[in-house]
């Protein structure tokens, strides 16, 4: 039985064992495809997190005793395209207790400043 024949039978309200077997095979195929996709996405996510962890460590090494802004961090690292991304990365170090944050005067008023703990 082809998929088309199965769909026509469903539309006509017919159900038989052959249709059930084909549907079960199709479901197994979908499950296998989804499992491969999920595994590949998990591997990519793990690679991305590892690369970002290295970048967070580099940011911590860059920071000193003076407060700097996310824009300063962004300018120093080519890998970081925007201050928003710098903020996300440095917040991980803040959560770990390796970096402290405080409001400082920036170009556009008060902004978060970061320095090594």
Foldseek 3Di string as FASTA:
>chain_A
DDPVVLVVCVVVVHDDPVSVVVVVVVVVVVVVVVVVVVVVVVVVVVVVVVVLVVVLVVLLVVFAPDWDALVVVCVVDVVRPDSVSSVVSPVVCVVVVQKDWDWDQDPVGTDITIHGD
